[in-house]
């Protein structure tokens, strides 16, 4: 089994990624790489209002898929009594969602009806992930400020 990011980031250059003691190829993708790309789309959102937030949402969904894959791998390793060294490395955080909220605040200049409502529903999504999955996605003061900016 290969993680979602393994499939997307495989550049076919013959490099099989990191070889772990047990042999399988593993690629660790941190949330920082996602955040760099997301931030670029957030900056572009003031010019191309719908594209930036849409792309950021796709990246957040990819982070969720990668986290789910990591959790399944960890469970399989725990069941086998083996550890392969793969760390749980990627899940959306408050920072991830704040980047989305920044994009929505920027996009609200061109789309004053849809973007603010989407920003407000993002706060609920953040709270849901925090309470249901235990993720560090609880909205902070920056989150609320960005929603206010989207409405302004």
N, C-alpha and C. Protein backbone atom coordinates (compact mmCIF):
# COMPACT_ATOMS: atom_id res chain seq x y z
N UNK A 1 0.84 -1.19 0.00
CA UNK A 1 0.00 0.00 0.00
C UNK A 1 0.87 1.23 0.00
N UNK A 2 0.46 2.20 -0.76
CA UNK A 2 1.19 3.45 -0.85
C UNK A 2 0.25 4.56 -0.45
N UNK A 3 0.74 5.52 0.34
CA UNK A 3 -0.09 6.64 0.77
C UNK A 3 -0.47 7.53 -0.39
N UNK A 4 -1.47 8.34 -0.18
CA UNK A 4 -1.95 9.26 -1.20
C UNK A 4 -0.82 10.15 -1.70
N UNK A 5 -0.05 10.70 -0.78
CA UNK A 5 1.02 11.60 -1.20
C UNK A 5 2.13 10.84 -1.90
N UNK A 6 2.31 9.55 -1.59
CA UNK A 6 3.30 8.76 -2.31
C UNK A 6 2.95 8.72 -3.79
N UNK A 7 1.68 8.52 -4.09
CA UNK A 7 1.25 8.43 -5.47
C UNK A 7 1.38 9.78 -6.18
N UNK A 8 1.02 10.85 -5.51
CA UNK A 8 1.02 12.16 -6.14
C UNK A 8 2.41 12.75 -6.30
N UNK A 9 3.31 12.42 -5.38
CA UNK A 9 4.63 13.02 -5.42
C UNK A 9 5.69 12.13 -6.05
N UNK A 10 5.31 10.95 -6.55
CA UNK A 10 6.26 10.05 -7.18
C UNK A 10 6.68 10.66 -8.51
N UNK A 11 7.97 10.95 -8.64
CA UNK A 11 8.44 11.64 -9.83
C UNK A 11 9.12 10.71 -10.83
N UNK A 12 9.04 9.41 -10.61
CA UNK A 12 9.59 8.40 -11.52
C UNK A 12 11.04 8.64 -11.87
N UNK A 13 11.82 9.13 -10.90
CA UNK A 13 13.24 9.36 -11.18
C UNK A 13 14.10 8.18 -10.73
N UNK A 14 13.45 7.09 -10.36
CA UNK A 14 14.19 5.92 -9.93
C UNK A 14 14.45 5.90 -8.43
N UNK A 15 14.25 7.01 -7.76
CA UNK A 15 14.44 7.07 -6.32
C UNK A 15 13.20 6.49 -5.67
N UNK A 16 13.37 5.49 -4.87
CA UNK A 16 12.24 4.83 -4.25
C UNK A 16 11.87 5.41 -2.90
N UNK A 17 12.29 6.60 -2.60
CA UNK A 17 11.94 7.21 -1.33
C UNK A 17 12.84 6.68 -0.23
N UNK A 18 12.38 6.77 0.98
CA UNK A 18 13.17 6.35 2.13
C UNK A 18 13.01 4.86 2.35
N UNK A 19 14.10 4.15 2.38
CA UNK A 19 14.07 2.72 2.69
C UNK A 19 14.14 2.56 4.20
N UNK A 20 13.17 1.91 4.74
CA UNK A 20 13.14 1.65 6.16
C UNK A 20 13.69 0.26 6.43
N UNK A 21 14.03 -0.07 7.66
CA UNK A 21 14.62 -1.38 7.96
C UNK A 21 13.83 -2.56 7.43
N UNK A 22 12.50 -2.46 7.41
CA UNK A 22 11.67 -3.56 6.94
C UNK A 22 11.57 -3.59 5.42
N UNK A 23 12.08 -2.57 4.73
CA UNK A 23 12.14 -2.60 3.29
C UNK A 23 11.13 -1.79 2.52
N UNK A 24 9.88 -1.58 2.96
CA UNK A 24 8.93 -0.88 2.11
C UNK A 24 9.27 0.60 1.96
N UNK A 25 8.89 1.12 0.83
CA UNK A 25 9.11 2.53 0.55
C UNK A 25 8.12 3.36 1.36
N UNK A 26 8.61 4.39 2.00
CA UNK A 26 7.77 5.28 2.79
C UNK A 26 8.18 6.71 2.50
N UNK A 27 7.21 7.56 2.29
CA UNK A 27 7.49 8.96 2.07
C UNK A 27 6.76 9.75 3.16
N UNK A 28 7.49 10.50 3.90
CA UNK A 28 6.90 11.31 4.96
C UNK A 28 6.71 12.72 4.42
N UNK A 29 5.48 13.17 4.39
CA UNK A 29 5.15 14.51 3.93
C UNK A 29 4.58 15.27 5.12
N UNK A 30 5.24 16.34 5.49
CA UNK A 30 4.79 17.11 6.64
C UNK A 30 3.75 18.14 6.22
N UNK A 31 3.04 18.66 7.20
CA UNK A 31 2.04 19.67 6.91
C UNK A 31 2.67 20.96 6.40
N UNK A 32 3.94 21.18 6.72
CA UNK A 32 4.63 22.40 6.26
C UNK A 32 4.66 22.52 4.75
N UNK A 33 4.85 21.41 4.05
CA UNK A 33 4.84 21.45 2.59
C UNK A 33 3.46 21.83 2.06
N UNK A 34 2.45 21.27 2.67
CA UNK A 34 1.08 21.63 2.28
C UNK A 34 0.84 23.12 2.53
N UNK A 35 1.29 23.61 3.68
CA UNK A 35 1.03 25.01 4.05
C UNK A 35 1.70 25.98 3.07
N UNK A 36 2.86 25.66 2.58
CA UNK A 36 3.54 26.53 1.61
C UNK A 36 2.69 26.68 0.36
N UNK A 37 2.20 25.57 -0.16
CA UNK A 37 1.37 25.62 -1.37
C UNK A 37 0.04 26.31 -1.09
N UNK A 38 -0.56 25.99 0.06
CA UNK A 38 -1.83 26.61 0.41
C UNK A 38 -1.70 28.13 0.54
N UNK A 39 -0.59 28.57 1.13
CA UNK A 39 -0.39 30.00 1.32
C UNK A 39 -0.30 30.71 -0.03
N UNK A 40 0.35 30.09 -1.00
CA UNK A 40 0.41 30.67 -2.34
C UNK A 40 -0.97 30.84 -2.95
N UNK A 41 -1.81 29.82 -2.81
CA UNK A 41 -3.18 29.93 -3.31
C UNK A 41 -3.98 30.99 -2.55
N UNK A 42 -3.72 31.13 -1.26
CA UNK A 42 -4.42 32.15 -0.48
C UNK A 42 -4.07 33.54 -0.99
N UNK A 43 -2.79 33.76 -1.32
CA UNK A 43 -2.37 35.06 -1.84
C UNK A 43 -3.03 35.36 -3.18
N UNK A 44 -3.21 34.32 -4.01
CA UNK A 44 -3.83 34.51 -5.33
C UNK A 44 -5.35 34.70 -5.25
N UNK A 45 -5.93 34.43 -4.11
CA UNK A 45 -7.39 34.47 -3.99
C UNK A 45 -7.99 35.85 -4.19
N UNK A 46 -7.23 36.89 -3.99
CA UNK A 46 -7.78 38.23 -4.23
C UNK A 46 -7.91 38.51 -5.72
N UNK A 47 -7.16 37.76 -6.55
CA UNK A 47 -7.23 37.95 -8.00
C UNK A 47 -8.15 36.94 -8.67
N UNK A 48 -8.05 35.70 -8.26
CA UNK A 48 -8.91 34.65 -8.81
C UNK A 48 -9.69 34.04 -7.65
N UNK A 49 -10.81 34.65 -7.34
CA UNK A 49 -11.50 34.42 -6.08
C UNK A 49 -11.90 32.98 -5.80
N UNK A 50 -12.43 32.27 -6.74
CA UNK A 50 -12.93 30.93 -6.44
C UNK A 50 -11.85 29.86 -6.51
N UNK A 51 -10.85 30.07 -7.35
CA UNK A 51 -9.83 29.04 -7.56
C UNK A 51 -8.97 28.80 -6.32
N UNK A 52 -8.54 29.86 -5.66
CA UNK A 52 -7.68 29.72 -4.49
C UNK A 52 -8.31 28.89 -3.38
N UNK A 53 -9.48 29.29 -2.89
CA UNK A 53 -10.12 28.49 -1.83
C UNK A 53 -10.40 27.05 -2.26
N UNK A 54 -10.80 26.86 -3.52
CA UNK A 54 -11.09 25.51 -4.01
C UNK A 54 -9.84 24.63 -3.94
N UNK A 55 -8.72 25.18 -4.37
CA UNK A 55 -7.47 24.42 -4.35
C UNK A 55 -7.02 24.12 -2.91
N UNK A 56 -7.21 25.07 -2.02
CA UNK A 56 -6.82 24.87 -0.62
C UNK A 56 -7.69 23.78 0.00
N UNK A 57 -8.97 23.78 -0.31
CA UNK A 57 -9.87 22.73 0.19
C UNK A 57 -9.41 21.37 -0.31
N UNK A 58 -9.01 21.30 -1.57
CA UNK A 58 -8.50 20.03 -2.11
C UNK A 58 -7.26 19.57 -1.33
N UNK A 59 -6.39 20.50 -1.01
CA UNK A 59 -5.19 20.15 -0.25
C UNK A 59 -5.53 19.69 1.17
N UNK A 60 -6.49 20.35 1.81
CA UNK A 60 -6.92 19.93 3.15
C UNK A 60 -7.52 18.53 3.08
N UNK A 61 -8.33 18.27 2.05
CA UNK A 61 -8.89 16.93 1.89
C UNK A 61 -7.79 15.89 1.68
N UNK A 62 -6.76 16.27 0.95
CA UNK A 62 -5.62 15.37 0.74
C UNK A 62 -4.89 15.11 2.06
N UNK A 63 -4.77 16.14 2.88
CA UNK A 63 -4.16 15.97 4.21
C UNK A 63 -4.98 14.99 5.05
N UNK A 64 -6.30 15.10 4.97
CA UNK A 64 -7.19 14.22 5.73
C UNK A 64 -7.02 12.78 5.24
N UNK A 65 -6.96 12.59 3.92
CA UNK A 65 -6.75 11.25 3.37
C UNK A 65 -5.41 10.68 3.81
N UNK A 66 -4.38 11.50 3.79
CA UNK A 66 -3.05 11.05 4.20
C UNK A 66 -3.06 10.67 5.68
N UNK A 67 -3.75 11.46 6.50
CA UNK A 67 -3.83 11.14 7.92
C UNK A 67 -4.58 9.82 8.13
N UNK A 68 -5.67 9.63 7.40
CA UNK A 68 -6.42 8.38 7.52
C UNK A 68 -5.55 7.19 7.13
N UNK A 69 -4.77 7.34 6.06
CA UNK A 69 -3.84 6.29 5.64
C UNK A 69 -2.82 6.01 6.74
N UNK A 70 -2.24 7.08 7.30
CA UNK A 70 -1.27 6.92 8.37
C UNK A 70 -1.87 6.18 9.57
N UNK A 71 -3.11 6.51 9.90
CA UNK A 71 -3.78 5.85 11.03
C UNK A 71 -3.98 4.36 10.75
N UNK A 72 -4.39 4.03 9.51
CA UNK A 72 -4.56 2.62 9.15
C UNK A 72 -3.23 1.87 9.23
N UNK A 73 -2.17 2.50 8.73
CA UNK A 73 -0.86 1.87 8.77
C UNK A 73 -0.41 1.65 10.21
N UNK A 74 -0.64 2.64 11.05
CA UNK A 74 -0.26 2.52 12.46
C UNK A 74 -1.04 1.39 13.12
N UNK A 75 -2.33 1.28 12.81
CA UNK A 75 -3.16 0.21 13.39
C UNK A 75 -2.66 -1.15 12.93
N UNK A 76 -2.33 -1.28 11.63
CA UNK A 76 -1.81 -2.55 11.12
C UNK A 76 -0.50 -2.91 11.80
N UNK A 77 0.36 -1.92 11.98
CA UNK A 77 1.64 -2.16 12.65
C UNK A 77 1.43 -2.59 14.09
N UNK A 78 0.48 -1.94 14.77
CA UNK A 78 0.19 -2.30 16.16
C UNK A 78 -0.36 -3.72 16.24
N UNK A 79 -1.22 -4.10 15.28
CA UNK A 79 -1.79 -5.44 15.26
C UNK A 79 -0.72 -6.50 15.01
N UNK A 80 0.26 -6.17 14.16
CA UNK A 80 1.33 -7.11 13.83
C UNK A 80 2.41 -7.15 14.89
N UNK A 81 2.40 -6.17 15.78
CA UNK A 81 3.45 -6.07 16.77
C UNK A 81 4.74 -5.51 16.20
N UNK A 82 4.68 -4.98 14.99
CA UNK A 82 5.86 -4.42 14.33
C UNK A 82 5.72 -2.91 14.23
N UNK A 83 6.84 -2.25 14.26
CA UNK A 83 6.87 -0.81 14.06
C UNK A 83 7.80 -0.55 12.90
N UNK A 84 7.34 0.23 11.93
CA UNK A 84 8.20 0.50 10.77
C UNK A 84 8.84 1.87 10.82
N UNK A 85 8.59 2.63 11.87
CA UNK A 85 9.22 3.94 12.00
C UNK A 85 8.42 5.07 11.38
N UNK A 86 7.33 4.78 10.69
CA UNK A 86 6.54 5.83 10.05
C UNK A 86 5.82 6.61 11.14
N UNK A 87 5.96 7.91 11.11
CA UNK A 87 5.32 8.76 12.11
C UNK A 87 4.02 9.32 11.55
N UNK A 88 3.08 9.56 12.42
CA UNK A 88 1.88 10.28 12.00
C UNK A 88 2.33 11.71 11.75
N UNK A 89 2.28 12.12 10.50
CA UNK A 89 2.98 13.35 10.15
C UNK A 89 2.11 14.42 9.53
N UNK A 90 0.91 14.08 9.15
CA UNK A 90 0.16 15.06 8.37
C UNK A 90 -1.32 15.02 8.73
N UNK A 91 -1.79 16.09 9.28
CA UNK A 91 -3.21 16.26 9.50
C UNK A 91 -3.47 17.76 9.51
N UNK A 92 -4.66 18.17 9.09
CA UNK A 92 -4.95 19.60 9.11
C UNK A 92 -4.86 20.14 10.53
N UNK A 93 -4.49 21.38 10.64
CA UNK A 93 -4.37 22.05 11.94
C UNK A 93 -5.11 23.39 11.85
N UNK A 94 -5.11 24.09 12.95
CA UNK A 94 -5.69 25.44 12.93
C UNK A 94 -5.00 26.29 11.88
N UNK A 95 -3.68 26.13 11.76
CA UNK A 95 -2.94 26.90 10.75
C UNK A 95 -3.43 26.58 9.34
N UNK A 96 -3.70 25.30 9.06
CA UNK A 96 -4.20 24.91 7.74
C UNK A 96 -5.52 25.62 7.43
N UNK A 97 -6.42 25.57 8.39
CA UNK A 97 -7.73 26.20 8.18
C UNK A 97 -7.64 27.72 8.18
N UNK A 98 -6.72 28.30 8.94
CA UNK A 98 -6.55 29.75 8.90
C UNK A 98 -6.05 30.21 7.54
N UNK A 99 -5.25 29.38 6.88
CA UNK A 99 -4.83 29.72 5.52
C UNK A 99 -6.05 29.72 4.60
N UNK A 100 -6.93 28.74 4.76
CA UNK A 100 -8.18 28.72 3.98
C UNK A 100 -9.01 29.96 4.29
N UNK A 101 -9.12 30.31 5.56
CA UNK A 101 -9.89 31.50 5.93
C UNK A 101 -9.26 32.77 5.36
N UNK A 102 -7.95 32.82 5.27
CA UNK A 102 -7.27 33.96 4.63
C UNK A 102 -7.67 34.04 3.17
N UNK A 103 -7.68 32.90 2.50
CA UNK A 103 -8.09 32.86 1.09
C UNK A 103 -9.53 33.32 0.93
N UNK A 104 -10.40 32.88 1.82
CA UNK A 104 -11.81 33.28 1.74
C UNK A 104 -11.98 34.77 2.03
N UNK A 105 -11.19 35.29 2.97
CA UNK A 105 -11.24 36.73 3.25
C UNK A 105 -10.77 37.52 2.03
N UNK A 106 -9.70 37.05 1.38
CA UNK A 106 -9.22 37.72 0.16
C UNK A 106 -10.24 37.60 -0.97
N UNK A 107 -10.85 36.44 -1.10
CA UNK A 107 -11.83 36.21 -2.17
C UNK A 107 -13.12 36.99 -1.95
N UNK A 108 -13.40 37.36 -0.72
CA UNK A 108 -14.66 38.05 -0.43
C UNK A 108 -14.73 39.43 -1.10
N UNK A 109 -13.59 39.98 -1.48
CA UNK A 109 -13.60 41.26 -2.20
C UNK A 109 -14.30 41.12 -3.53
N UNK A 110 -14.11 39.96 -4.17
CA UNK A 110 -14.73 39.72 -5.48
C UNK A 110 -16.03 38.92 -5.37
N UNK A 111 -16.23 38.26 -4.27
CA UNK A 111 -17.40 37.40 -4.08
C UNK A 111 -17.98 37.64 -2.68
N UNK A 112 -18.62 38.83 -2.47
CA UNK A 112 -19.04 39.23 -1.12
C UNK A 112 -20.19 38.42 -0.54
N UNK A 113 -20.85 37.57 -1.31
CA UNK A 113 -21.97 36.81 -0.75
C UNK A 113 -21.57 35.39 -0.36
N UNK A 114 -20.82 34.72 -1.21
CA UNK A 114 -20.51 33.31 -0.99
C UNK A 114 -19.32 33.10 -0.03
N UNK A 115 -18.26 33.85 -0.19
CA UNK A 115 -17.04 33.63 0.59
C UNK A 115 -17.22 33.82 2.09
N UNK A 116 -17.91 34.87 2.54
CA UNK A 116 -18.08 35.02 4.00
C UNK A 116 -18.88 33.87 4.63
N UNK A 117 -19.88 33.39 3.93
CA UNK A 117 -20.66 32.27 4.47
C UNK A 117 -19.82 30.99 4.52
N UNK A 118 -19.00 30.82 3.50
CA UNK A 118 -18.10 29.67 3.48
C UNK A 118 -17.09 29.77 4.62
N UNK A 119 -16.61 30.99 4.88
CA UNK A 119 -15.66 31.20 5.98
C UNK A 119 -16.31 30.85 7.31
N UNK A 120 -17.56 31.24 7.48
CA UNK A 120 -18.26 30.94 8.74
C UNK A 120 -18.46 29.43 8.90
N UNK A 121 -18.80 28.73 7.82
CA UNK A 121 -18.98 27.28 7.92
C UNK A 121 -17.65 26.57 8.17
N UNK A 122 -16.55 27.18 7.75
CA UNK A 122 -15.23 26.61 8.01
C UNK A 122 -14.94 26.58 9.51
N UNK A 123 -15.40 27.60 10.24
CA UNK A 123 -15.24 27.60 11.70
C UNK A 123 -15.92 26.38 12.32
N UNK A 124 -17.10 26.04 11.82
CA UNK A 124 -17.82 24.87 12.34
C UNK A 124 -17.06 23.59 12.01
N UNK A 125 -16.52 23.51 10.80
CA UNK A 125 -15.72 22.34 10.41
C UNK A 125 -14.51 22.19 11.32
N UNK A 126 -13.86 23.31 11.61
CA UNK A 126 -12.70 23.27 12.50
C UNK A 126 -13.09 22.73 13.87
N UNK A 127 -14.18 23.24 14.41
CA UNK A 127 -14.65 22.79 15.74
C UNK A 127 -15.02 21.31 15.71
N UNK A 128 -15.67 20.88 14.63
CA UNK A 128 -16.07 19.48 14.50
C UNK A 128 -14.85 18.56 14.49
N UNK A 129 -13.84 18.92 13.70
CA UNK A 129 -12.63 18.09 13.64
C UNK A 129 -11.93 18.06 15.01
N UNK A 130 -11.98 19.18 15.71
CA UNK A 130 -11.36 19.23 17.04
C UNK A 130 -12.08 18.31 18.02
N UNK A 131 -13.41 18.38 18.04
CA UNK A 131 -14.16 17.59 19.02
C UNK A 131 -14.29 16.12 18.61
N UNK A 132 -14.43 15.83 17.32
CA UNK A 132 -14.67 14.46 16.89
C UNK A 132 -13.39 13.66 16.65
N UNK A 133 -12.34 14.31 16.16
CA UNK A 133 -11.11 13.59 15.83
C UNK A 133 -9.97 13.90 16.79
N UNK A 134 -10.16 14.90 17.62
CA UNK A 134 -9.10 15.27 18.55
C UNK A 134 -7.95 16.03 17.90
N UNK A 135 -8.20 16.59 16.73
CA UNK A 135 -7.17 17.33 16.02
C UNK A 135 -7.00 18.72 16.63
N UNK A 136 -5.88 19.33 16.36
CA UNK A 136 -5.60 20.69 16.83
C UNK A 136 -6.16 21.69 15.81
N UNK A 137 -7.49 21.71 15.71
CA UNK A 137 -8.15 22.59 14.75
C UNK A 137 -9.15 23.53 15.42
N UNK A 138 -9.06 23.66 16.71
CA UNK A 138 -9.98 24.55 17.42
C UNK A 138 -9.74 25.98 16.92
N UNK A 139 -10.80 26.67 16.48
CA UNK A 139 -10.62 28.05 16.00
C UNK A 139 -9.99 28.94 17.07
N UNK A 140 -9.06 29.78 16.66
CA UNK A 140 -8.43 30.71 17.59
C UNK A 140 -8.85 32.14 17.23
N UNK A 141 -8.29 33.11 17.89
CA UNK A 141 -8.70 34.50 17.65
C UNK A 141 -8.41 34.91 16.22
N UNK A 142 -7.35 34.41 15.62
CA UNK A 142 -7.05 34.71 14.22
C UNK A 142 -8.15 34.16 13.31
N UNK A 143 -8.63 32.96 13.61
CA UNK A 143 -9.70 32.35 12.82
C UNK A 143 -10.94 33.25 12.81
N UNK A 144 -11.33 33.70 13.99
CA UNK A 144 -12.52 34.55 14.10
C UNK A 144 -12.29 35.90 13.41
N UNK A 145 -11.09 36.45 13.55
CA UNK A 145 -10.78 37.73 12.90
C UNK A 145 -10.87 37.61 11.38
N UNK A 146 -10.40 36.50 10.82
CA UNK A 146 -10.45 36.32 9.37
C UNK A 146 -11.89 36.20 8.86
N UNK A 147 -12.76 35.58 9.66
CA UNK A 147 -14.17 35.51 9.27
C UNK A 147 -14.79 36.91 9.30
N UNK A 148 -14.45 37.68 10.29
CA UNK A 148 -14.95 39.07 10.37
C UNK A 148 -14.46 39.87 9.16
N UNK A 149 -13.20 39.69 8.79
CA UNK A 149 -12.65 40.38 7.61
C UNK A 149 -13.39 39.95 6.36
N UNK A 150 -13.75 38.66 6.26
CA UNK A 150 -14.48 38.18 5.09
C UNK A 150 -15.84 38.87 4.98
N UNK A 151 -16.47 39.15 6.11
CA UNK A 151 -17.77 39.82 6.09
C UNK A 151 -17.64 41.34 5.89
N UNK A 152 -16.49 41.89 6.20
CA UNK A 152 -16.32 43.35 6.14
C UNK A 152 -16.30 43.90 4.72
